[in-house]
Amino acid sequence: LLAIMSSASANDNDNSSSNNPTLTLLRSAFGPRSTLYTVLQCAKSSTPTELKRAYRKAALRHHPDRRSLMRRGQGQEEEKGGEGKEEEDDDVPSSTLKFQALSAAYQIL
């Protein structure tokens, strides 16, 4: 486990992610400066429990099914004259990519 974590940390600092499909996925979903830890919004010194909590929060935030339901709910509220929550403008394919990247980051950590 420590070897995997140190390998992932070393690869996080590497600017060429072409040899690591997980980092390629992370950076295509969250941007070129994304790391395993920034995607989960946690520190490198996080405990396994903190990592799990961060993953669950991020998974709820980016889950494709939840995003599509929120989008439908916003449409219904707007029709009734209410204001929907202001969320970042995410489409379902983008949410799917982000959810896959989150899962990959959590599996590595």
N, C-alpha and C. Protein backbone atom coordinates (compact mmCIF):
# COMPACT_ATOMS: atom_id res chain seq x y z
N LEU A 1 0.83 -1.20 0.00
CA LEU A 1 0.00 0.00 0.00
C LEU A 1 0.86 1.25 0.00
N LEU A 2 1.90 1.27 0.81
CA LEU A 2 2.77 2.44 0.84
C LEU A 2 3.48 2.64 -0.49
N ALA A 3 3.84 1.56 -1.14
CA ALA A 3 4.49 1.67 -2.45
C ALA A 3 3.55 2.30 -3.46
N ILE A 4 2.28 1.92 -3.42
CA ILE A 4 1.30 2.49 -4.34
C ILE A 4 1.11 3.97 -4.05
N MET A 5 1.02 4.33 -2.76
CA MET A 5 0.81 5.72 -2.40
C MET A 5 2.01 6.57 -2.80
N SER A 6 3.24 6.08 -2.57
CA SER A 6 4.41 6.86 -2.94
C SER A 6 4.53 6.95 -4.45
N SER A 7 4.15 5.89 -5.14
CA SER A 7 4.15 5.92 -6.60
C SER A 7 3.14 6.92 -7.12
N ALA A 8 1.97 6.96 -6.53
CA ALA A 8 0.94 7.91 -6.94
C ALA A 8 1.38 9.33 -6.63
N SER A 9 2.02 9.55 -5.48
CA SER A 9 2.49 10.88 -5.13
C SER A 9 3.58 11.33 -6.08
N ALA A 10 4.46 10.42 -6.43
CA ALA A 10 5.52 10.76 -7.38
C ALA A 10 4.92 11.10 -8.73
N ASN A 11 3.90 10.36 -9.13
CA ASN A 11 3.26 10.63 -10.42
C ASN A 11 2.43 11.90 -10.38
N ASP A 12 1.95 12.31 -9.20
CA ASP A 12 1.21 13.56 -9.08
C ASP A 12 2.09 14.74 -9.43
N ASN A 13 3.36 14.65 -9.06
CA ASN A 13 4.28 15.75 -9.30
C ASN A 13 4.84 15.71 -10.71
N ASP A 14 4.65 14.65 -11.42
CA ASP A 14 5.15 14.51 -12.78
C ASP A 14 4.25 15.28 -13.73
N ASN A 15 4.84 16.12 -14.57
CA ASN A 15 4.05 16.93 -15.49
C ASN A 15 3.54 16.14 -16.68
N SER A 16 4.17 15.03 -17.02
CA SER A 16 3.70 14.25 -18.16
C SER A 16 2.85 13.11 -17.64
N SER A 17 1.56 13.19 -17.88
CA SER A 17 0.65 12.17 -17.39
C SER A 17 0.29 11.19 -18.50
N SER A 18 1.02 11.24 -19.61
CA SER A 18 0.68 10.38 -20.73
C SER A 18 0.92 8.90 -20.41
N ASN A 19 1.81 8.60 -19.46
CA ASN A 19 2.08 7.21 -19.13
C ASN A 19 1.17 6.70 -18.02
N ASN A 20 0.35 7.54 -17.43
CA ASN A 20 -0.52 7.13 -16.35
C ASN A 20 -1.98 7.44 -16.72
N PRO A 21 -2.75 6.42 -17.06
CA PRO A 21 -4.13 6.68 -17.50
C PRO A 21 -5.01 7.30 -16.41
N THR A 22 -4.73 7.01 -15.14
CA THR A 22 -5.54 7.58 -14.07
C THR A 22 -5.34 9.09 -14.00
N LEU A 23 -4.08 9.53 -14.07
CA LEU A 23 -3.83 10.97 -14.03
C LEU A 23 -4.36 11.66 -15.28
N THR A 24 -4.31 10.99 -16.41
CA THR A 24 -4.90 11.55 -17.63
C THR A 24 -6.39 11.75 -17.44
N LEU A 25 -7.06 10.78 -16.85
CA LEU A 25 -8.49 10.88 -16.57
C LEU A 25 -8.78 12.02 -15.60
N LEU A 26 -8.00 12.10 -14.51
CA LEU A 26 -8.19 13.16 -13.52
C LEU A 26 -8.05 14.53 -14.15
N ARG A 27 -7.01 14.69 -14.93
CA ARG A 27 -6.73 16.01 -15.50
C ARG A 27 -7.69 16.38 -16.60
N SER A 28 -8.23 15.40 -17.31
CA SER A 28 -9.23 15.73 -18.33
C SER A 28 -10.55 16.11 -17.67
N ALA A 29 -10.83 15.58 -16.50
CA ALA A 29 -12.08 15.88 -15.81
C ALA A 29 -11.99 17.15 -14.97
N PHE A 30 -10.87 17.35 -14.29
CA PHE A 30 -10.78 18.43 -13.31
C PHE A 30 -9.77 19.52 -13.64
N GLY A 31 -9.02 19.37 -14.72
CA GLY A 31 -8.05 20.39 -15.10
C GLY A 31 -6.63 19.89 -15.02
N PRO A 32 -5.71 20.61 -15.68
CA PRO A 32 -4.33 20.14 -15.82
C PRO A 32 -3.53 20.10 -14.53
N ARG A 33 -3.92 20.82 -13.51
CA ARG A 33 -3.15 20.84 -12.27
C ARG A 33 -3.74 19.94 -11.19
N SER A 34 -4.65 19.09 -11.56
CA SER A 34 -5.33 18.22 -10.59
C SER A 34 -4.41 17.11 -10.12
N THR A 35 -4.53 16.79 -8.84
CA THR A 35 -3.83 15.65 -8.26
C THR A 35 -4.87 14.75 -7.59
N LEU A 36 -4.42 13.61 -7.12
CA LEU A 36 -5.32 12.69 -6.44
C LEU A 36 -5.96 13.36 -5.22
N TYR A 37 -5.19 14.18 -4.53
CA TYR A 37 -5.69 14.81 -3.31
C TYR A 37 -6.57 16.02 -3.59
N THR A 38 -6.23 16.82 -4.59
CA THR A 38 -7.05 18.00 -4.87
C THR A 38 -8.41 17.61 -5.42
N VAL A 39 -8.48 16.51 -6.15
CA VAL A 39 -9.77 16.04 -6.68
C VAL A 39 -10.70 15.67 -5.53
N LEU A 40 -10.16 15.05 -4.50
CA LEU A 40 -10.97 14.67 -3.34
C LEU A 40 -11.08 15.79 -2.31
N GLN A 41 -10.38 16.90 -2.56
CA GLN A 41 -10.37 18.05 -1.67
C GLN A 41 -9.96 17.66 -0.26
N CYS A 42 -8.80 17.01 -0.16
CA CYS A 42 -8.26 16.63 1.14
C CYS A 42 -6.74 16.81 1.13
N ALA A 43 -6.15 16.77 2.30
CA ALA A 43 -4.72 16.96 2.45
C ALA A 43 -3.99 15.63 2.28
N LYS A 44 -2.70 15.72 1.95
CA LYS A 44 -1.90 14.50 1.81
C LYS A 44 -1.75 13.76 3.13
N SER A 45 -1.94 14.48 4.22
CA SER A 45 -1.80 13.86 5.54
C SER A 45 -3.12 13.31 6.07
N SER A 46 -4.14 13.24 5.23
CA SER A 46 -5.46 12.76 5.66
C SER A 46 -5.41 11.29 6.06
N THR A 47 -6.20 10.95 7.06
CA THR A 47 -6.31 9.56 7.50
C THR A 47 -7.23 8.82 6.53
N PRO A 48 -7.22 7.49 6.56
CA PRO A 48 -8.14 6.73 5.71
C PRO A 48 -9.61 7.09 5.93
N THR A 49 -9.97 7.39 7.16
CA THR A 49 -11.35 7.79 7.45
C THR A 49 -11.68 9.13 6.79
N GLU A 50 -10.75 10.08 6.85
CA GLU A 50 -10.96 11.38 6.23
C GLU A 50 -11.02 11.26 4.71
N LEU A 51 -10.19 10.38 4.14
CA LEU A 51 -10.23 10.15 2.70
C LEU A 51 -11.58 9.58 2.28
N LYS A 52 -12.07 8.63 3.06
CA LYS A 52 -13.36 8.02 2.76
C LYS A 52 -14.49 9.05 2.82
N ARG A 53 -14.46 9.90 3.83
CA ARG A 53 -15.48 10.94 3.98
C ARG A 53 -15.41 11.93 2.82
N ALA A 54 -14.19 12.32 2.44
CA ALA A 54 -14.02 13.26 1.32
C ALA A 54 -14.51 12.63 0.01
N TYR A 55 -14.22 11.34 -0.18
CA TYR A 55 -14.67 10.66 -1.39
C TYR A 55 -16.19 10.61 -1.45
N ARG A 56 -16.82 10.28 -0.34
CA ARG A 56 -18.29 10.17 -0.34
C ARG A 56 -18.95 11.52 -0.62
N LYS A 57 -18.40 12.59 -0.05
CA LYS A 57 -18.96 13.92 -0.32
C LYS A 57 -18.80 14.29 -1.79
N ALA A 58 -17.61 14.05 -2.32
CA ALA A 58 -17.35 14.39 -3.72
C ALA A 58 -18.18 13.51 -4.66
N ALA A 59 -18.36 12.25 -4.30
CA ALA A 59 -19.15 11.34 -5.13
C ALA A 59 -20.61 11.80 -5.17
N LEU A 60 -21.13 12.24 -4.05
CA LEU A 60 -22.50 12.76 -4.04
C LEU A 60 -22.61 14.03 -4.88
N ARG A 61 -21.59 14.86 -4.81
CA ARG A 61 -21.60 16.12 -5.53
C ARG A 61 -21.54 15.92 -7.05
N HIS A 62 -20.82 14.89 -7.50
CA HIS A 62 -20.58 14.70 -8.93
C HIS A 62 -21.27 13.49 -9.53
N HIS A 63 -22.11 12.79 -8.79
CA HIS A 63 -22.74 11.59 -9.33
C HIS A 63 -23.67 11.96 -10.48
N PRO A 64 -23.55 11.29 -11.63
CA PRO A 64 -24.35 11.64 -12.82
C PRO A 64 -25.86 11.55 -12.59
N ASP A 65 -26.32 10.54 -11.87
CA ASP A 65 -27.75 10.40 -11.63
C ASP A 65 -28.27 11.56 -10.77
N ARG A 66 -27.51 11.91 -9.79
CA ARG A 66 -27.92 13.02 -8.92
C ARG A 66 -27.93 14.33 -9.69
N ARG A 67 -26.95 14.54 -10.56
CA ARG A 67 -26.89 15.77 -11.36
C ARG A 67 -28.11 15.87 -12.28
N SER A 68 -28.50 14.76 -12.91
CA SER A 68 -29.64 14.81 -13.81
C SER A 68 -30.94 15.03 -13.03
N LEU A 69 -31.05 14.47 -11.83
CA LEU A 69 -32.24 14.71 -11.01
C LEU A 69 -32.31 16.16 -10.55
N MET A 70 -31.16 16.72 -10.18
CA MET A 70 -31.14 18.11 -9.76
C MET A 70 -31.53 19.02 -10.92
N ARG A 71 -31.09 18.68 -12.10
CA ARG A 71 -31.41 19.46 -13.28
C ARG A 71 -32.92 19.43 -13.54
N ARG A 72 -33.53 18.24 -13.43
CA ARG A 72 -34.98 18.11 -13.61
C ARG A 72 -35.73 18.90 -12.54
N GLY A 73 -35.26 18.83 -11.30
CA GLY A 73 -35.90 19.56 -10.20
C GLY A 73 -35.81 21.06 -10.40
N GLN A 74 -34.69 21.54 -10.92
CA GLN A 74 -34.55 22.97 -11.19
C GLN A 74 -35.54 23.41 -12.25
N GLY A 75 -35.73 22.59 -13.27
CA GLY A 75 -36.67 22.93 -14.34
C GLY A 75 -38.08 23.04 -13.81
N GLN A 76 -38.47 22.14 -12.91
CA GLN A 76 -39.81 22.18 -12.33
C GLN A 76 -39.98 23.40 -11.44
N GLU A 77 -38.95 23.75 -10.66
CA GLU A 77 -39.05 24.91 -9.80
C GLU A 77 -39.15 26.19 -10.61
N GLU A 78 -38.40 26.27 -11.73
CA GLU A 78 -38.44 27.45 -12.56
C GLU A 78 -39.82 27.62 -13.20
N GLU A 79 -40.47 26.48 -13.55
CA GLU A 79 -41.80 26.56 -14.13
C GLU A 79 -42.81 27.09 -13.12
N LYS A 80 -42.60 26.77 -11.85
CA LYS A 80 -43.51 27.22 -10.80
C LYS A 80 -43.20 28.65 -10.37
N GLY A 81 -42.12 29.22 -10.89
CA GLY A 81 -41.77 30.59 -10.52
C GLY A 81 -40.73 30.66 -9.42
N GLY A 82 -40.32 29.55 -8.88
CA GLY A 82 -39.29 29.55 -7.84
C GLY A 82 -37.91 29.58 -8.46
N GLU A 83 -36.95 29.90 -7.61
CA GLU A 83 -35.58 29.92 -8.11
C GLU A 83 -34.91 28.62 -7.73
N GLY A 84 -34.22 28.02 -8.70
CA GLY A 84 -33.47 26.80 -8.46
C GLY A 84 -32.12 27.13 -7.86
N LYS A 85 -31.46 26.12 -7.31
CA LYS A 85 -30.12 26.31 -6.78
C LYS A 85 -29.19 26.67 -7.92
N GLU A 86 -28.21 27.53 -7.61
CA GLU A 86 -27.21 27.82 -8.62
C GLU A 86 -26.09 26.81 -8.47
N GLU A 87 -25.99 25.92 -9.42
CA GLU A 87 -24.94 24.92 -9.45
C GLU A 87 -24.04 25.24 -10.62
N GLU A 88 -22.84 24.71 -10.59
CA GLU A 88 -21.98 24.89 -11.75
C GLU A 88 -22.63 24.22 -12.95
N ASP A 89 -22.41 24.77 -14.11
CA ASP A 89 -23.08 24.30 -15.32
C ASP A 89 -22.42 23.01 -15.78
N ASP A 90 -22.90 21.88 -15.26
CA ASP A 90 -22.37 20.56 -15.58
C ASP A 90 -23.38 19.79 -16.39
N ASP A 91 -22.92 19.13 -17.42
CA ASP A 91 -23.81 18.22 -18.11
C ASP A 91 -23.53 16.81 -17.63
N VAL A 92 -24.39 15.89 -17.96
CA VAL A 92 -24.27 14.53 -17.46
C VAL A 92 -22.98 13.84 -17.93
N PRO A 93 -22.55 13.97 -19.19
CA PRO A 93 -21.28 13.33 -19.57
C PRO A 93 -20.10 13.86 -18.77
N SER A 94 -20.08 15.15 -18.48
CA SER A 94 -19.02 15.72 -17.67
C SER A 94 -19.07 15.17 -16.25
N SER A 95 -20.27 15.03 -15.71
CA SER A 95 -20.43 14.46 -14.37
C SER A 95 -19.97 13.01 -14.33
N THR A 96 -20.26 12.28 -15.40
CA THR A 96 -19.81 10.89 -15.48
C THR A 96 -18.29 10.81 -15.47
N LEU A 97 -17.65 11.66 -16.24
CA LEU A 97 -16.18 11.68 -16.29
C LEU A 97 -15.60 12.05 -14.93
N LYS A 98 -16.19 13.05 -14.28
CA LYS A 98 -15.70 13.45 -12.96
C LYS A 98 -15.91 12.35 -11.92
N PHE A 99 -17.05 11.68 -12.00
CA PHE A 99 -17.33 10.60 -11.05
C PHE A 99 -16.34 9.45 -11.24
N GLN A 100 -16.02 9.13 -12.48
CA GLN A 100 -15.04 8.07 -12.75
C GLN A 100 -13.66 8.47 -12.25
N ALA A 101 -13.30 9.74 -12.42
CA ALA A 101 -12.01 10.21 -11.94
C ALA A 101 -11.93 10.18 -10.43
N LEU A 102 -13.01 10.56 -9.75
CA LEU A 102 -13.06 10.48 -8.29
C LEU A 102 -12.87 9.06 -7.79
N SER A 103 -13.57 8.13 -8.44
CA SER A 103 -13.47 6.73 -8.05
C SER A 103 -12.06 6.20 -8.24
N ALA A 104 -11.43 6.58 -9.33
CA ALA A 104 -10.06 6.14 -9.59
C ALA A 104 -9.10 6.72 -8.56
N ALA A 105 -9.27 7.99 -8.22
CA ALA A 105 -8.40 8.63 -7.22
C ALA A 105 -8.56 7.95 -5.87
N TYR A 106 -9.78 7.66 -5.48
CA TYR A 106 -10.01 7.02 -4.18
C TYR A 106 -9.43 5.61 -4.15
N GLN A 107 -9.55 4.88 -5.24
CA GLN A 107 -9.00 3.53 -5.29
C GLN A 107 -7.49 3.54 -5.13
N ILE A 108 -6.83 4.53 -5.71
CA ILE A 108 -5.38 4.60 -5.60
C ILE A 108 -4.96 4.97 -4.19
N LEU A 109 -5.67 5.94 -3.61
CA LEU A 109 -5.29 6.39 -2.26
C LEU A 109 -5.76 5.39 -1.23
